[in-house]
């Protein structure tokens, strides 16, 4: 089974043009979840929620939380895609992409868009965190003192010399 980081192609397409190749966006879903969402929720709580999401075993209140997460993930993928889909690496260096009958954006335009998205994401993350704190009794792992501890993957219960601890 392929791991879904709370959102798939159909959901992400609500935030982005359908003409953008999914192969460009799919890695951004995982990267945004691991880079932004996991530290925000805490490693253990994130992993627990992600497992339940993929196993389709979420409780009703966890589903409410995941709906907030999905929206934030959609915005985060859009944020991450601004440079990824606008600037292309070629044998002549980095170039702005320019479609038929379209003007390419300037770096200033892209930076403004990312800034606007960043503020919106931060607001939504704060709402989600406030909601989580208000409902902390339903999410004991979120407030657990071990929630921020990142444990390396184990091989038969022990770290092996060949384990790669990359977050991506």
Protein backbone atom coordinates (compact mmCIF):
# COMPACT_ATOMS: atom_id res chain seq x y z
CA UNK A 1 0.00 0.00 0.00
CA UNK A 2 1.25 3.45 -0.91
CA UNK A 3 1.49 5.91 2.01
CA UNK A 4 -0.76 8.94 1.58
CA UNK A 5 0.29 12.00 3.57
CA UNK A 6 -3.29 13.11 4.32
CA UNK A 7 -3.93 14.36 0.79
CA UNK A 8 -3.83 12.82 -2.65
CA UNK A 9 -3.88 14.17 -6.17
CA UNK A 10 -7.63 14.81 -6.29
CA UNK A 11 -7.54 16.93 -3.13
CA UNK A 12 -4.39 18.85 -4.11
CA UNK A 13 -5.98 19.72 -7.47
CA UNK A 14 -8.51 21.88 -5.58
CA UNK A 15 -5.63 24.27 -4.86
CA UNK A 16 -3.65 24.06 -8.10
CA UNK A 17 -4.12 24.10 -11.85
CA UNK A 18 -5.04 20.69 -13.24
CA UNK A 19 -2.40 21.07 -15.95
CA UNK A 20 0.49 20.76 -13.50
CA UNK A 21 1.98 17.29 -13.73
CA UNK A 22 1.31 15.19 -10.63
CA UNK A 23 4.91 13.93 -10.79
CA UNK A 24 6.00 17.48 -9.86
CA UNK A 25 3.50 17.79 -7.01
CA UNK A 26 3.55 14.35 -5.39
CA UNK A 27 6.97 14.74 -3.72
CA UNK A 28 5.84 18.12 -2.36
CA UNK A 29 2.99 16.44 -0.47
CA UNK A 30 5.39 14.21 1.45
CA UNK A 31 7.96 16.99 1.93
CA UNK A 32 5.39 19.43 3.28
CA UNK A 33 3.98 16.82 5.68
CA UNK A 34 7.38 15.84 7.04
CA UNK A 35 8.97 19.30 7.04
CA UNK A 36 6.11 21.39 8.40
CA UNK A 37 3.27 19.26 9.75
CA UNK A 38 5.26 16.63 11.65
CA UNK A 39 7.20 19.17 13.76
CA UNK A 40 3.99 21.12 14.38
CA UNK A 41 2.05 18.11 15.68
CA UNK A 42 4.98 16.28 17.23
CA UNK A 43 6.62 13.17 15.83
CA UNK A 44 4.70 10.52 17.74
CA UNK A 45 1.28 12.15 17.38
CA UNK A 46 1.88 12.77 13.66
CA UNK A 47 2.92 9.15 13.05
CA UNK A 48 -0.05 7.82 15.05
CA UNK A 49 -2.53 10.01 13.18
CA UNK A 50 -0.97 9.22 9.79
CA UNK A 51 -1.13 5.48 10.47
CA UNK A 52 -4.77 5.70 11.52
CA UNK A 53 -5.55 7.82 8.47
CA UNK A 54 -3.99 5.31 6.08
CA UNK A 55 -5.57 2.35 7.92
CA UNK A 56 -8.93 4.18 7.86
CA UNK A 57 -9.34 3.79 11.64
CA UNK A 58 -9.76 7.44 12.68
CA UNK A 59 -12.28 8.34 15.36
CA UNK A 60 -14.90 11.02 14.68
CA UNK A 61 -12.89 13.77 16.39
CA UNK A 62 -9.69 12.65 14.62
CA UNK A 63 -11.56 12.99 11.32
CA UNK A 64 -12.35 16.61 12.26
CA UNK A 65 -8.66 17.23 12.88
CA UNK A 66 -7.64 15.54 9.63
CA UNK A 67 -10.02 17.80 7.70
CA UNK A 68 -8.08 20.80 9.07
CA UNK A 69 -4.79 19.08 8.26
CA UNK A 70 -5.90 18.36 4.70
CA UNK A 71 -6.70 22.02 4.07
CA UNK A 72 -3.35 23.11 5.50
CA UNK A 73 -1.59 20.42 3.45
CA UNK A 74 -3.29 21.67 0.28
CA UNK A 75 -2.12 25.22 0.96
CA UNK A 76 1.35 23.98 1.89
CA UNK A 77 1.70 22.06 -1.37
CA UNK A 78 0.61 25.18 -3.26
CA UNK A 79 3.22 27.19 -1.31
CA UNK A 80 5.93 24.63 -2.08
CA UNK A 81 4.92 24.44 -5.75
CA UNK A 82 5.31 28.16 -6.47
CA UNK A 83 9.01 27.87 -7.33
CA UNK A 84 8.88 24.21 -8.40
CA UNK A 85 6.36 24.86 -11.18
CA UNK A 86 7.50 28.35 -12.20
CA UNK A 87 11.24 27.94 -12.51
CA UNK A 88 12.80 25.28 -14.69
CA UNK A 89 16.37 24.06 -14.62
CA UNK A 90 17.91 23.65 -18.05
CA UNK A 91 21.32 23.46 -19.69
CA UNK A 92 21.20 27.28 -19.84
CA UNK A 93 20.58 27.66 -16.12
CA UNK A 94 17.38 28.42 -14.28
CA UNK A 95 14.60 29.82 -16.45
CA UNK A 96 11.03 30.97 -15.81
CA UNK A 97 8.43 28.69 -17.40
CA UNK A 98 6.25 30.44 -19.94
CA UNK A 99 3.09 28.78 -21.33
CA UNK A 100 1.26 29.65 -24.52
CA UNK A 101 -0.41 33.07 -24.37
CA UNK A 102 0.82 33.66 -20.82
CA UNK A 103 3.34 35.97 -19.26
CA UNK A 104 5.73 34.37 -16.86
CA UNK A 105 5.77 35.68 -13.30
CA UNK A 106 8.67 37.66 -11.95
CA UNK A 107 10.58 36.56 -8.89
CA UNK A 108 8.91 39.44 -7.04
CA UNK A 109 5.46 38.06 -7.98
CA UNK A 110 6.43 34.58 -6.79
CA UNK A 111 7.81 35.89 -3.51
CA UNK A 112 4.62 37.89 -2.89
CA UNK A 113 2.45 34.84 -3.58
CA UNK A 114 4.53 32.70 -1.22
CA UNK A 115 4.34 35.42 1.44
CA UNK A 116 0.55 35.61 1.14
CA UNK A 117 0.26 31.82 1.30
CA UNK A 118 2.63 31.65 4.26
CA UNK A 119 0.49 34.08 6.27
CA UNK A 120 -2.69 32.14 5.44
CA UNK A 121 -1.05 28.83 6.38
CA UNK A 122 0.24 30.25 9.66
CA UNK A 123 -3.25 31.51 10.56
CA UNK A 124 -4.80 28.12 9.78
CA UNK A 125 -2.10 26.28 11.72
CA UNK A 126 -2.76 28.50 14.74
CA UNK A 127 -6.49 27.78 14.53
CA UNK A 128 -5.74 24.05 14.34
CA UNK A 129 -3.36 24.20 17.31
CA UNK A 130 -5.89 26.16 19.36
CA UNK A 131 -8.53 23.57 18.50
CA UNK A 132 -6.14 20.77 19.50
CA UNK A 133 -5.36 22.44 22.82
CA UNK A 134 -9.07 22.96 23.48
CA UNK A 135 -9.69 19.27 22.72
CA UNK A 136 -6.50 17.99 24.38
CA UNK A 137 -8.40 15.39 26.44
CA UNK A 138 -9.32 13.64 23.18
CA UNK A 139 -5.69 13.69 22.00
CA UNK A 140 -3.49 12.59 24.93
CA UNK A 141 -0.59 11.72 22.63
CA UNK A 142 -0.48 15.34 21.41
CA UNK A 143 0.34 16.62 24.92
CA UNK A 144 2.42 13.59 25.97
CA UNK A 145 5.95 14.56 27.04
CA UNK A 146 7.46 12.02 24.62
CA UNK A 147 5.63 13.45 21.61
CA UNK A 148 8.58 15.53 20.43
CA UNK A 149 11.07 12.66 20.53
CA UNK A 150 12.06 11.37 17.12
CA UNK A 151 13.09 7.74 17.25
CA UNK A 152 15.22 6.32 14.43
CA UNK A 153 13.88 3.31 12.53
CA UNK A 154 14.90 0.08 14.19
CA UNK A 155 16.11 -3.18 12.70
CA UNK A 156 15.00 -6.04 14.99
CA UNK A 157 14.72 -3.56 17.83
CA UNK A 158 18.18 -2.05 17.36
CA UNK A 159 19.54 0.61 15.01
CA UNK A 160 21.62 -1.01 12.29
CA UNK A 161 24.73 0.41 10.69
CA UNK A 162 22.94 0.54 7.32
CA UNK A 163 19.89 2.48 8.49
CA UNK A 164 19.45 5.76 6.66
CA UNK A 165 17.84 8.33 8.95
CA UNK A 166 16.81 10.78 6.20
CA UNK A 167 13.43 12.44 6.84
CA UNK A 168 12.57 12.22 3.16
